[in-house]
PDB file of all heavy atoms in Angstrom:
ATOM      1  N   SER A   1      -1.145  11.711 -25.767  1.00  0.00           N
ATOM      2  CA  SER A   1      -1.490  10.710 -26.801  1.00  0.00           C
ATOM      3  C   SER A   1      -2.550   9.715 -26.165  1.00  0.00           C
ATOM      4  O   SER A   1      -2.767   9.836 -24.939  1.00  0.00           O
ATOM      5  CB  SER A   1      -0.411   9.992 -27.387  1.00  0.00           C
ATOM      6  OG  SER A   1       0.236   9.205 -26.262  1.00  0.00           O
ATOM      7  N   ARG A   2      -3.136   8.827 -26.963  1.00  0.00           N
ATOM      8  CA  ARG A   2      -4.064   7.823 -26.449  1.00  0.00           C
ATOM      9  C   ARG A   2      -3.420   6.884 -25.532  1.00  0.00           C
ATOM     10  O   ARG A   2      -3.989   6.374 -24.611  1.00  0.00           O
ATOM     11  CB  ARG A   2      -4.669   7.066 -27.619  1.00  0.00           C
ATOM     12  CG  ARG A   2      -5.543   7.967 -28.531  1.00  0.00           C
ATOM     13  CD  ARG A   2      -6.187   7.203 -29.616  1.00  0.00           C
ATOM     14  NE  ARG A   2      -6.892   6.061 -29.157  1.00  0.00           N
ATOM     15  CZ  ARG A   2      -7.498   5.088 -29.920  1.00  0.00           C
ATOM     16  NH1 ARG A   2      -7.298   5.209 -31.200  1.00  0.00           N
ATOM     17  NH2 ARG A   2      -8.213   4.132 -29.333  1.00  0.00           N
ATOM     18  N   GLU A   3      -2.108   6.618 -25.678  1.00  0.00           N
ATOM     19  CA  GLU A   3      -1.347   5.578 -24.812  1.00  0.00           C
ATOM     20  C   GLU A   3      -1.316   6.150 -23.337  1.00  0.00           C
ATOM     21  O   GLU A   3      -1.046   5.347 -22.487  1.00  0.00           O
ATOM     22  CB  GLU A   3      -0.056   5.334 -25.356  1.00  0.00           C
ATOM     23  CG  GLU A   3       0.028   4.603 -26.673  1.00  0.00           C
ATOM     24  CD  GLU A   3      -0.293   5.391 -27.861  1.00  0.00           C
ATOM     25  OE1 GLU A   3      -0.454   6.587 -27.774  1.00  0.00           O
ATOM     26  OE2 GLU A   3      -0.396   4.789 -28.945  1.00  0.00           O
ATOM     27  N   ALA A   4      -1.402   7.508 -23.185  1.00  0.00           N
ATOM     28  CA  ALA A   4      -1.277   8.002 -21.792  1.00  0.00           C
ATOM     29  C   ALA A   4      -2.377   7.419 -20.892  1.00  0.00           C
ATOM     30  O   ALA A   4      -2.127   7.269 -19.704  1.00  0.00           O
ATOM     31  CB  ALA A   4      -1.400   9.499 -21.883  1.00  0.00           C
ATOM     32  N   ALA A   5      -3.552   7.160 -21.466  1.00  0.00           N
ATOM     33  CA  ALA A   5      -4.645   6.586 -20.634  1.00  0.00           C
ATOM     34  C   ALA A   5      -4.250   5.169 -20.098  1.00  0.00           C
ATOM     35  O   ALA A   5      -4.492   4.884 -18.943  1.00  0.00           O
ATOM     36  CB  ALA A   5      -5.884   6.485 -21.419  1.00  0.00           C
ATOM     37  N   GLU A   6      -3.583   4.383 -20.924  1.00  0.00           N
ATOM     38  CA  GLU A   6      -3.206   3.085 -20.493  1.00  0.00           C
ATOM     39  C   GLU A   6      -2.063   3.201 -19.464  1.00  0.00           C
ATOM     40  O   GLU A   6      -1.983   2.448 -18.475  1.00  0.00           O
ATOM     41  CB  GLU A   6      -2.517   2.325 -21.646  1.00  0.00           C
ATOM     42  CG  GLU A   6      -3.601   1.951 -22.772  1.00  0.00           C
ATOM     43  CD  GLU A   6      -2.951   1.222 -23.886  1.00  0.00           C
ATOM     44  OE1 GLU A   6      -1.730   1.019 -23.898  1.00  0.00           O
ATOM     45  OE2 GLU A   6      -3.734   0.799 -24.782  1.00  0.00           O
ATOM     46  N   ASP A   7      -1.215   4.183 -19.559  1.00  0.00           N
ATOM     47  CA  ASP A   7      -0.186   4.480 -18.613  1.00  0.00           C
ATOM     48  C   ASP A   7      -0.684   4.899 -17.229  1.00  0.00           C
ATOM     49  O   ASP A   7      -0.198   4.569 -16.206  1.00  0.00           O
ATOM     50  CB  ASP A   7       0.854   5.445 -19.085  1.00  0.00           C
ATOM     51  CG  ASP A   7       1.571   5.049 -20.339  1.00  0.00           C
ATOM     52  OD1 ASP A   7       1.883   3.852 -20.470  1.00  0.00           O
ATOM     53  OD2 ASP A   7       1.758   5.879 -21.286  1.00  0.00           O
ATOM     54  N   GLN A   8      -1.864   5.642 -17.266  1.00  0.00           N
ATOM     55  CA  GLN A   8      -2.493   6.023 -16.022  1.00  0.00           C
ATOM     56  C   GLN A   8      -3.029   4.745 -15.335  1.00  0.00           C
ATOM     57  O   GLN A   8      -2.896   4.771 -14.081  1.00  0.00           O
ATOM     58  CB  GLN A   8      -3.613   7.002 -16.335  1.00  0.00           C
ATOM     59  CG  GLN A   8      -4.391   7.348 -15.060  1.00  0.00           C
ATOM     60  CD  GLN A   8      -5.595   8.300 -15.366  1.00  0.00           C
ATOM     61  OE1 GLN A   8      -5.709   9.005 -16.472  1.00  0.00           O
ATOM     62  NE2 GLN A   8      -6.534   8.439 -14.402  1.00  0.00           N
ATOM     63  N   GLN A   9      -3.480   3.807 -16.083  1.00  0.00           N
ATOM     64  CA  GLN A   9      -3.987   2.597 -15.404  1.00  0.00           C
ATOM     65  C   GLN A   9      -2.833   1.820 -14.689  1.00  0.00           C
ATOM     66  O   GLN A   9      -2.949   1.319 -13.561  1.00  0.00           O
ATOM     67  CB  GLN A   9      -4.609   1.694 -16.474  1.00  0.00           C
ATOM     68  CG  GLN A   9      -5.699   2.278 -17.259  1.00  0.00           C
ATOM     69  CD  GLN A   9      -6.941   2.644 -16.429  1.00  0.00           C
ATOM     70  OE1 GLN A   9      -7.492   1.874 -15.647  1.00  0.00           O
ATOM     71  NE2 GLN A   9      -7.378   3.881 -16.525  1.00  0.00           N
ATOM     72  N   LEU A  10      -1.651   1.816 -15.408  1.00  0.00           N
ATOM     73  CA  LEU A  10      -0.551   1.138 -14.795  1.00  0.00           C
ATOM     74  C   LEU A  10      -0.142   1.863 -13.558  1.00  0.00           C
ATOM     75  O   LEU A  10       0.198   1.229 -12.465  1.00  0.00           O
ATOM     76  CB  LEU A  10       0.751   1.222 -15.812  1.00  0.00           C
ATOM     77  CG  LEU A  10       0.814  -0.012 -16.794  1.00  0.00           C
ATOM     78  CD1 LEU A  10       2.091   0.196 -17.599  1.00  0.00           C
ATOM     79  CD2 LEU A  10       0.783  -1.300 -16.124  1.00  0.00           C
ATOM     80  N   VAL A  11      -0.058   3.221 -13.565  1.00  0.00           N
ATOM     81  CA  VAL A  11       0.382   3.982 -12.380  1.00  0.00           C
ATOM     82  C   VAL A  11      -0.555   3.765 -11.317  1.00  0.00           C
ATOM     83  O   VAL A  11      -0.150   3.479 -10.034  1.00  0.00           O
ATOM     84  CB  VAL A  11       0.497   5.455 -12.834  1.00  0.00           C
ATOM     85  CG1 VAL A  11       0.629   6.379 -11.553  1.00  0.00           C
ATOM     86  CG2 VAL A  11       1.593   5.718 -13.729  1.00  0.00           C
ATOM     87  N   ALA A  12      -1.873   3.818 -11.558  1.00  0.00           N
ATOM     88  CA  ALA A  12      -2.868   3.743 -10.409  1.00  0.00           C
ATOM     89  C   ALA A  12      -2.762   2.371  -9.706  1.00  0.00           C
ATOM     90  O   ALA A  12      -2.743   2.160  -8.559  1.00  0.00           O
ATOM     91  CB  ALA A  12      -4.250   3.996 -10.927  1.00  0.00           C
ATOM     92  N   ALA A  13      -2.757   1.290 -10.625  1.00  0.00           N
ATOM     93  CA  ALA A  13      -2.798  -0.081 -10.097  1.00  0.00           C
ATOM     94  C   ALA A  13      -1.423  -0.381  -9.305  1.00  0.00           C
ATOM     95  O   ALA A  13      -1.502  -0.992  -8.252  1.00  0.00           O
ATOM     96  CB  ALA A  13      -2.971  -1.100 -11.176  1.00  0.00           C
ATOM     97  N   ALA A  14      -0.368   0.047  -9.883  1.00  0.00           N
ATOM     98  CA  ALA A  14       0.958  -0.186  -9.255  1.00  0.00           C
ATOM     99  C   ALA A  14       1.072   0.576  -7.935  1.00  0.00           C
ATOM    100  O   ALA A  14       1.587   0.049  -6.925  1.00  0.00           O
ATOM    101  CB  ALA A  14       2.095   0.208 -10.179  1.00  0.00           C
ATOM    102  N   LEU A  15       0.578   1.861  -7.858  1.00  0.00           N
ATOM    103  CA  LEU A  15       0.697   2.567  -6.611  1.00  0.00           C
ATOM    104  C   LEU A  15      -0.249   1.966  -5.609  1.00  0.00           C
ATOM    105  O   LEU A  15       0.209   1.832  -4.373  1.00  0.00           O
ATOM    106  CB  LEU A  15       0.318   4.069  -6.879  1.00  0.00           C
ATOM    107  CG  LEU A  15       0.330   4.991  -5.693  1.00  0.00           C
ATOM    108  CD1 LEU A  15       1.714   5.010  -5.066  1.00  0.00           C
ATOM    109  CD2 LEU A  15      -0.113   6.368  -6.065  1.00  0.00           C
ATOM    110  N   ALA A  16      -1.407   1.586  -5.963  1.00  0.00           N
ATOM    111  CA  ALA A  16      -2.311   0.945  -4.989  1.00  0.00           C
ATOM    112  C   ALA A  16      -1.711  -0.405  -4.419  1.00  0.00           C
ATOM    113  O   ALA A  16      -1.666  -0.601  -3.216  1.00  0.00           O
ATOM    114  CB  ALA A  16      -3.669   0.531  -5.695  1.00  0.00           C
ATOM    115  N   LEU A  17      -1.054  -1.186  -5.271  1.00  0.00           N
ATOM    116  CA  LEU A  17      -0.408  -2.341  -4.797  1.00  0.00           C
ATOM    117  C   LEU A  17       0.736  -2.092  -3.826  1.00  0.00           C
ATOM    118  O   LEU A  17       1.007  -2.691  -2.831  1.00  0.00           O
ATOM    119  CB  LEU A  17       0.052  -3.229  -5.953  1.00  0.00           C
ATOM    120  CG  LEU A  17       0.798  -4.548  -5.660  1.00  0.00           C
ATOM    121  CD1 LEU A  17      -0.024  -5.438  -4.852  1.00  0.00           C
ATOM    122  CD2 LEU A  17       1.294  -5.199  -6.901  1.00  0.00           C
ATOM    123  N   ALA A  18       1.550  -1.050  -4.242  1.00  0.00           N
ATOM    124  CA  ALA A  18       2.664  -0.627  -3.388  1.00  0.00           C
ATOM    125  C   ALA A  18       2.234  -0.245  -1.967  1.00  0.00           C
ATOM    126  O   ALA A  18       2.834  -0.618  -0.988  1.00  0.00           O
ATOM    127  CB  ALA A  18       3.541   0.450  -4.002  1.00  0.00           C
ATOM    128  N   LEU A  19       1.186   0.615  -1.901  1.00  0.00           N
ATOM    129  CA  LEU A  19       0.678   1.077  -0.623  1.00  0.00           C
ATOM    130  C   LEU A  19      -0.020  -0.016   0.219  1.00  0.00           C
ATOM    131  O   LEU A  19       0.142  -0.082   1.367  1.00  0.00           O
ATOM    132  CB  LEU A  19      -0.320   2.255  -0.873  1.00  0.00           C
ATOM    133  CG  LEU A  19       0.337   3.450  -1.472  1.00  0.00           C
ATOM    134  CD1 LEU A  19      -0.778   4.551  -1.717  1.00  0.00           C
ATOM    135  CD2 LEU A  19       1.381   4.097  -0.537  1.00  0.00           C
ATOM    136  N   LEU A  20      -0.675  -0.971  -0.487  1.00  0.00           N
ATOM    137  CA  LEU A  20      -1.245  -2.155   0.164  1.00  0.00           C
ATOM    138  C   LEU A  20      -0.235  -2.968   0.772  1.00  0.00           C
ATOM    139  O   LEU A  20      -0.371  -3.494   1.979  1.00  0.00           O
ATOM    140  CB  LEU A  20      -2.157  -2.867  -0.777  1.00  0.00           C
ATOM    141  CG  LEU A  20      -3.580  -2.296  -1.074  1.00  0.00           C
ATOM    142  CD1 LEU A  20      -4.275  -3.125  -2.062  1.00  0.00           C
ATOM    143  CD2 LEU A  20      -4.401  -2.323   0.265  1.00  0.00           C
ATOM    144  N   THR A  21       0.862  -3.185   0.039  1.00  0.00           N
ATOM    145  CA  THR A  21       1.961  -4.032   0.554  1.00  0.00           C
ATOM    146  C   THR A  21       2.608  -3.357   1.748  1.00  0.00           C
ATOM    147  O   THR A  21       3.006  -4.054   2.708  1.00  0.00           O
ATOM    148  CB  THR A  21       2.955  -4.249  -0.537  1.00  0.00           C
ATOM    149  OG1 THR A  21       2.313  -4.856  -1.707  1.00  0.00           O
ATOM    150  CG2 THR A  21       4.030  -5.275  -0.079  1.00  0.00           C
ATOM    151  N   LEU A  22       2.821  -2.037   1.701  1.00  0.00           N
ATOM    152  CA  LEU A  22       3.361  -1.363   2.833  1.00  0.00           C
ATOM    153  C   LEU A  22       2.460  -1.376   4.108  1.00  0.00           C
ATOM    154  O   LEU A  22       2.958  -1.558   5.203  1.00  0.00           O
ATOM    155  CB  LEU A  22       3.622   0.078   2.449  1.00  0.00           C
ATOM    156  CG  LEU A  22       4.840   0.364   1.513  1.00  0.00           C
ATOM    157  CD1 LEU A  22       4.906   1.841   1.158  1.00  0.00           C
ATOM    158  CD2 LEU A  22       6.158   0.025   2.166  1.00  0.00           C
ATOM    159  N   ALA A  23       1.137  -1.360   3.791  1.00  0.00           N
ATOM    160  CA  ALA A  23       0.213  -1.555   4.930  1.00  0.00           C
ATOM    161  C   ALA A  23       0.416  -2.917   5.516  1.00  0.00           C
ATOM    162  O   ALA A  23       0.320  -3.112   6.778  1.00  0.00           O
ATOM    163  CB  ALA A  23      -1.249  -1.322   4.451  1.00  0.00           C
ATOM    164  N   PHE A  24       0.489  -3.924   4.601  1.00  0.00           N
ATOM    165  CA  PHE A  24       0.674  -5.335   5.157  1.00  0.00           C
ATOM    166  C   PHE A  24       1.912  -5.510   6.030  1.00  0.00           C
ATOM    167  O   PHE A  24       1.994  -6.034   7.047  1.00  0.00           O
ATOM    168  CB  PHE A  24       0.685  -6.354   4.069  1.00  0.00           C
ATOM    169  CG  PHE A  24       1.106  -7.696   4.437  1.00  0.00           C
ATOM    170  CD1 PHE A  24       0.198  -8.499   5.064  1.00  0.00           C
ATOM    171  CD2 PHE A  24       2.419  -8.185   4.159  1.00  0.00           C
ATOM    172  CE1 PHE A  24       0.536  -9.754   5.469  1.00  0.00           C
ATOM    173  CE2 PHE A  24       2.700  -9.441   4.513  1.00  0.00           C
ATOM    174  CZ  PHE A  24       1.841 -10.273   5.243  1.00  0.00           C
ATOM    175  N   LEU A  25       3.063  -4.801   5.442  1.00  0.00           N
ATOM    176  CA  LEU A  25       4.326  -4.912   6.224  1.00  0.00           C
ATOM    177  C   LEU A  25       4.185  -4.155   7.574  1.00  0.00           C
ATOM    178  O   LEU A  25       4.766  -4.611   8.569  1.00  0.00           O
ATOM    179  CB  LEU A  25       5.383  -4.315   5.313  1.00  0.00           C
ATOM    180  CG  LEU A  25       5.771  -5.112   4.090  1.00  0.00           C
ATOM    181  CD1 LEU A  25       6.845  -4.333   3.305  1.00  0.00           C
ATOM    182  CD2 LEU A  25       6.287  -6.538   4.421  1.00  0.00           C
ATOM    183  N   ARG A  26       3.495  -3.054   7.506  1.00  0.00           N
ATOM    184  CA  ARG A  26       3.276  -2.322   8.792  1.00  0.00           C
ATOM    185  C   ARG A  26       2.549  -3.189   9.770  1.00  0.00           C
ATOM    186  O   ARG A  26       2.828  -3.256  10.955  1.00  0.00           O
ATOM    187  CB  ARG A  26       2.523  -1.042   8.494  1.00  0.00           C
ATOM    188  CG  ARG A  26       2.286  -0.223   9.722  1.00  0.00           C
ATOM    189  CD  ARG A  26       3.409   0.653  10.088  1.00  0.00           C
ATOM    190  NE  ARG A  26       3.195   1.667  11.132  1.00  0.00           N
ATOM    191  CZ  ARG A  26       3.929   2.695  11.422  1.00  0.00           C
ATOM    192  NH1 ARG A  26       5.083   2.877  10.824  1.00  0.00           N
ATOM    193  NH2 ARG A  26       3.633   3.490  12.333  1.00  0.00           N
ATOM    194  N   TRP A  27       1.405  -3.837   9.349  1.00  0.00           N
ATOM    195  CA  TRP A  27       0.606  -4.574  10.169  1.00  0.00           C
ATOM    196  C   TRP A  27       1.440  -5.795  10.729  1.00  0.00           C
ATOM    197  O   TRP A  27       1.217  -6.235  11.855  1.00  0.00           O
ATOM    198  CB  TRP A  27      -0.643  -5.160   9.427  1.00  0.00           C
ATOM    199  CG  TRP A  27      -1.391  -6.224  10.122  1.00  0.00           C
ATOM    200  CD1 TRP A  27      -2.325  -6.025  11.071  1.00  0.00           C
ATOM    201  CD2 TRP A  27      -1.275  -7.596   9.968  1.00  0.00           C
ATOM    202  NE1 TRP A  27      -2.915  -7.275  11.545  1.00  0.00           N
ATOM    203  CE2 TRP A  27      -2.222  -8.212  10.826  1.00  0.00           C
ATOM    204  CE3 TRP A  27      -0.540  -8.462   9.038  1.00  0.00           C
ATOM    205  CZ2 TRP A  27      -2.327  -9.619  10.879  1.00  0.00           C
ATOM    206  CZ3 TRP A  27      -0.714  -9.828   9.253  1.00  0.00           C
ATOM    207  CH2 TRP A  27      -1.595 -10.298  10.055  1.00  0.00           C
ATOM    208  N   ASN A  28       2.215  -6.460   9.879  1.00  0.00           N
ATOM    209  CA  ASN A  28       3.059  -7.575  10.258  1.00  0.00           C
ATOM    210  C   ASN A  28       4.007  -7.107  11.403  1.00  0.00           C
ATOM    211  O   ASN A  28       4.222  -7.927  12.328  1.00  0.00           O
ATOM    212  CB  ASN A  28       3.787  -8.151   9.110  1.00  0.00           C
ATOM    213  CG  ASN A  28       4.509  -9.425   9.365  1.00  0.00           C
ATOM    214  OD1 ASN A  28       3.742 -10.394   9.855  1.00  0.00           O
ATOM    215  ND2 ASN A  28       5.711  -9.558   8.983  1.00  0.00           N
ATOM    216  N   SER A  29       4.581  -5.941  11.326  1.00  0.00           N
ATOM    217  CA  SER A  29       5.505  -5.505  12.457  1.00  0.00           C
ATOM    218  C   SER A  29       4.726  -5.271  13.713  1.00  0.00           C
ATOM    219  O   SER A  29       5.156  -5.554  14.699  1.00  0.00           O
ATOM    220  CB  SER A  29       6.213  -4.179  11.934  1.00  0.00           C
ATOM    221  OG  SER A  29       7.110  -4.532  10.923  1.00  0.00           O
ATOM    222  N   LEU A  30       3.540  -4.600  13.633  1.00  0.00           N
ATOM    223  CA  LEU A  30       2.687  -4.501  14.752  1.00  0.00           C
ATOM    224  C   LEU A  30       2.304  -5.773  15.446  1.00  0.00           C
ATOM    225  O   LEU A  30       2.276  -5.972  16.646  1.00  0.00           O
ATOM    226  CB  LEU A  30       1.447  -3.674  14.410  1.00  0.00           C
ATOM    227  CG  LEU A  30       1.696  -2.207  13.998  1.00  0.00           C
ATOM    228  CD1 LEU A  30       0.328  -1.621  13.476  1.00  0.00           C
ATOM    229  CD2 LEU A  30       2.162  -1.374  15.206  1.00  0.00           C
ATOM    230  N   ARG A  31       2.079  -6.733  14.579  1.00  0.00           N
ATOM    231  CA  ARG A  31       1.604  -8.081  15.048  1.00  0.00           C
ATOM    232  C   ARG A  31       2.682  -8.808  15.869  1.00  0.00           C
ATOM    233  O   ARG A  31       2.515  -9.520  16.799  1.00  0.00           O
ATOM    234  CB  ARG A  31       1.185  -8.942  13.814  1.00  0.00           C
ATOM    235  CG  ARG A  31       0.524 -10.253  14.197  1.00  0.00           C
ATOM    236  CD  ARG A  31      -0.080 -10.864  12.970  1.00  0.00           C
ATOM    237  NE  ARG A  31       0.972 -11.210  11.965  1.00  0.00           N
ATOM    238  CZ  ARG A  31       1.335 -12.407  11.660  1.00  0.00           C
ATOM    239  NH1 ARG A  31       0.931 -13.447  12.396  1.00  0.00           N
ATOM    240  NH2 ARG A  31       2.212 -12.600  10.740  1.00  0.00           N
ATOM    241  N   VAL A  32       3.963  -8.515  15.387  1.00  0.00           N
ATOM    242  CA  VAL A  32       5.057  -9.218  16.126  1.00  0.00           C
ATOM    243  C   VAL A  32       5.195  -8.756  17.553  1.00  0.00           C
ATOM    244  O   VAL A  32       5.515  -9.562  18.495  1.00  0.00           O
ATOM    245  CB  VAL A  32       6.409  -8.854  15.435  1.00  0.00           C
ATOM    246  CG1 VAL A  32       7.572  -9.255  16.261  1.00  0.00           C
ATOM    247  CG2 VAL A  32       6.444  -9.522  14.086  1.00  0.00           C
ATOM    248  N   THR A  33       4.708  -7.501  17.880  1.00  0.00           N
ATOM    249  CA  THR A  33       4.741  -7.046  19.259  1.00  0.00           C
ATOM    250  C   THR A  33       3.678  -7.585  20.057  1.00  0.00           C
ATOM    251  O   THR A  33       3.636  -7.489  21.350  1.00  0.00           O
ATOM    252  CB  THR A  33       4.636  -5.462  19.260  1.00  0.00           C
ATOM    253  OG1 THR A  33       3.324  -5.124  18.897  1.00  0.00           O
ATOM    254  CG2 THR A  33       5.658  -4.835  18.306  1.00  0.00           C
ATOM    255  N   ARG A  34       2.677  -8.281  19.521  1.00  0.00           N
ATOM    256  CA  ARG A  34       1.504  -8.757  20.098  1.00  0.00           C
ATOM    257  C   ARG A  34       0.742  -7.694  20.803  1.00  0.00           C
ATOM    258  O   ARG A  34      -0.127  -7.947  21.777  1.00  0.00           O
ATOM    259  CB  ARG A  34       1.890  -9.897  21.162  1.00  0.00           C
ATOM    260  CG  ARG A  34       2.434 -11.121  20.514  1.00  0.00           C
ATOM    261  CD  ARG A  34       2.638 -12.233  21.519  1.00  0.00           C
ATOM    262  NE  ARG A  34       3.155 -13.410  20.850  1.00  0.00           N
ATOM    263  CZ  ARG A  34       3.479 -14.503  21.518  1.00  0.00           C
ATOM    264  NH1 ARG A  34       3.467 -14.535  22.810  1.00  0.00           N
ATOM    265  NH2 ARG A  34       3.955 -15.574  20.888  1.00  0.00           N
ATOM    266  N   ARG A  35       0.891  -6.435  20.408  1.00  0.00           N
ATOM    267  CA  ARG A  35       0.154  -5.290  20.806  1.00  0.00           C
ATOM    268  C   ARG A  35      -0.176  -4.401  19.610  1.00  0.00           C
ATOM    269  O   ARG A  35       0.681  -4.225  18.812  1.00  0.00           O
ATOM    270  CB  ARG A  35       0.947  -4.459  21.887  1.00  0.00           C
ATOM    271  CG  ARG A  35       1.331  -5.282  23.143  1.00  0.00           C
ATOM    272  CD  ARG A  35       1.941  -4.355  24.096  1.00  0.00           C
ATOM    273  NE  ARG A  35       2.482  -5.145  25.261  1.00  0.00           N
ATOM    274  CZ  ARG A  35       2.930  -4.572  26.321  1.00  0.00           C
ATOM    275  NH1 ARG A  35       2.880  -3.312  26.512  1.00  0.00           N
ATOM    276  NH2 ARG A  35       3.320  -5.326  27.330  1.00  0.00           N
ATOM    277  N   PHE A  36      -1.370  -3.988  19.527  1.00  0.00           N
ATOM    278  CA  PHE A  36      -1.762  -3.153  18.437  1.00  0.00           C
ATOM    279  C   PHE A  36      -1.807  -1.711  18.936  1.00  0.00           C
ATOM    280  O   PHE A  36      -2.605  -1.317  19.694  1.00  0.00           O
ATOM    281  CB  PHE A  36      -3.064  -3.560  17.796  1.00  0.00           C
ATOM    282  CG  PHE A  36      -3.067  -4.844  17.003  1.00  0.00           C
ATOM    283  CD1 PHE A  36      -3.274  -6.022  17.677  1.00  0.00           C
ATOM    284  CD2 PHE A  36      -2.776  -4.854  15.721  1.00  0.00           C
ATOM    285  CE1 PHE A  36      -3.162  -7.272  17.023  1.00  0.00           C
ATOM    286  CE2 PHE A  36      -2.720  -6.012  15.039  1.00  0.00           C
ATOM    287  CZ  PHE A  36      -2.886  -7.240  15.622  1.00  0.00           C
ATOM    288  N   PHE A  37      -0.859  -0.999  18.470  1.00  0.00           N
ATOM    289  CA  PHE A  37      -0.722   0.420  18.867  1.00  0.00           C
ATOM    290  C   PHE A  37      -1.912   1.268  18.323  1.00  0.00           C
ATOM    291  O   PHE A  37      -2.429   0.901  17.295  1.00  0.00           O
ATOM    292  CB  PHE A  37       0.576   1.022  18.335  1.00  0.00           C
ATOM    293  CG  PHE A  37       1.754   0.346  18.808  1.00  0.00           C
ATOM    294  CD1 PHE A  37       2.216  -0.836  18.224  1.00  0.00           C
ATOM    295  CD2 PHE A  37       2.561   0.810  19.814  1.00  0.00           C
ATOM    296  CE1 PHE A  37       3.294  -1.491  18.589  1.00  0.00           C
ATOM    297  CE2 PHE A  37       3.796   0.210  20.225  1.00  0.00           C
ATOM    298  CZ  PHE A  37       4.095  -0.992  19.616  1.00  0.00           C
ATOM    299  N   PRO A  38      -2.218   2.445  18.846  1.00  0.00           N
ATOM    300  CA  PRO A  38      -3.183   3.337  18.155  1.00  0.00           C
ATOM    301  C   PRO A  38      -2.522   4.001  16.944  1.00  0.00           C
ATOM    302  O   PRO A  38      -2.099   5.115  17.004  1.00  0.00           O
ATOM    303  CB  PRO A  38      -3.508   4.355  19.264  1.00  0.00           C
ATOM    304  CG  PRO A  38      -2.352   4.340  20.228  1.00  0.00           C
ATOM    305  CD  PRO A  38      -1.765   2.975  20.142  1.00  0.00           C
ATOM    306  N   ASP A  39      -2.270   3.147  15.977  1.00  0.00           N
ATOM    307  CA  ASP A  39      -1.424   3.519  14.760  1.00  0.00           C
ATOM    308  C   ASP A  39      -2.205   4.316  13.756  1.00  0.00           C
ATOM    309  O   ASP A  39      -3.344   3.861  13.405  1.00  0.00           O
ATOM    310  CB  ASP A  39      -0.885   2.232  14.173  1.00  0.00           C
ATOM    311  CG  ASP A  39       0.100   2.452  13.030  1.00  0.00           C
ATOM    312  OD1 ASP A  39       0.861   3.411  13.132  1.00  0.00           O
ATOM    313  OD2 ASP A  39      -0.035   1.788  12.028  1.00  0.00           O
ATOM    314  N   ARG A  40      -1.723   5.423  13.326  1.00  0.00           N
ATOM    315  CA  ARG A  40      -2.432   6.149  12.224  1.00  0.00           C
ATOM    316  C   ARG A  40      -1.792   5.895  10.863  1.00  0.00           C
ATOM    317  O   ARG A  40      -2.265   6.259   9.863  1.00  0.00           O
ATOM    318  CB  ARG A  40      -2.384   7.667  12.530  1.00  0.00           C
ATOM    319  CG  ARG A  40      -1.144   8.273  12.549  1.00  0.00           C
ATOM    320  CD  ARG A  40      -1.175   9.772  12.966  1.00  0.00           C
ATOM    321  NE  ARG A  40       0.017  10.510  12.945  1.00  0.00           N
ATOM    322  CZ  ARG A  40       0.446  11.425  13.809  1.00  0.00           C
ATOM    323  NH1 ARG A  40      -0.326  11.619  14.846  1.00  0.00           N
ATOM    324  NH2 ARG A  40       1.593  12.029  13.657  1.00  0.00           N
ATOM    325  N   SER A  41      -0.591   5.317  10.785  1.00  0.00           N
ATOM    326  CA  SER A  41       0.050   5.014   9.569  1.00  0.00           C
ATOM    327  C   SER A  41      -0.748   4.004   8.719  1.00  0.00           C
ATOM    328  O   SER A  41      -0.849   4.042   7.558  1.00  0.00           O
ATOM    329  CB  SER A  41       1.526   4.667   9.739  1.00  0.00           C
ATOM    330  OG  SER A  41       2.272   5.626  10.419  1.00  0.00           O
ATOM    331  N   LEU A  42      -1.112   2.951   9.438  1.00  0.00           N
ATOM    332  CA  LEU A  42      -1.755   1.834   8.724  1.00  0.00           C
ATOM    333  C   LEU A  42      -3.085   2.263   8.132  1.00  0.00           C
ATOM    334  O   LEU A  42      -3.311   2.083   6.914  1.00  0.00           O
ATOM    335  CB  LEU A  42      -2.111   0.734   9.727  1.00  0.00           C
ATOM    336  CG  LEU A  42      -2.743  -0.595   9.129  1.00  0.00           C
ATOM    337  CD1 LEU A  42      -1.830  -1.087   7.976  1.00  0.00           C
ATOM    338  CD2 LEU A  42      -2.985  -1.595  10.228  1.00  0.00           C
TER     339      LEU A  42
END
């Protein structure tokens, strides 16, 4: 249906925000060590 396009926008925006937040949490943990690892997860 036409509503599926609106749901796609919700999914894309929410997933992007979730991954960005996880990236921030990862960076914050790395920052606590005062050393930046050669991290591939970030």
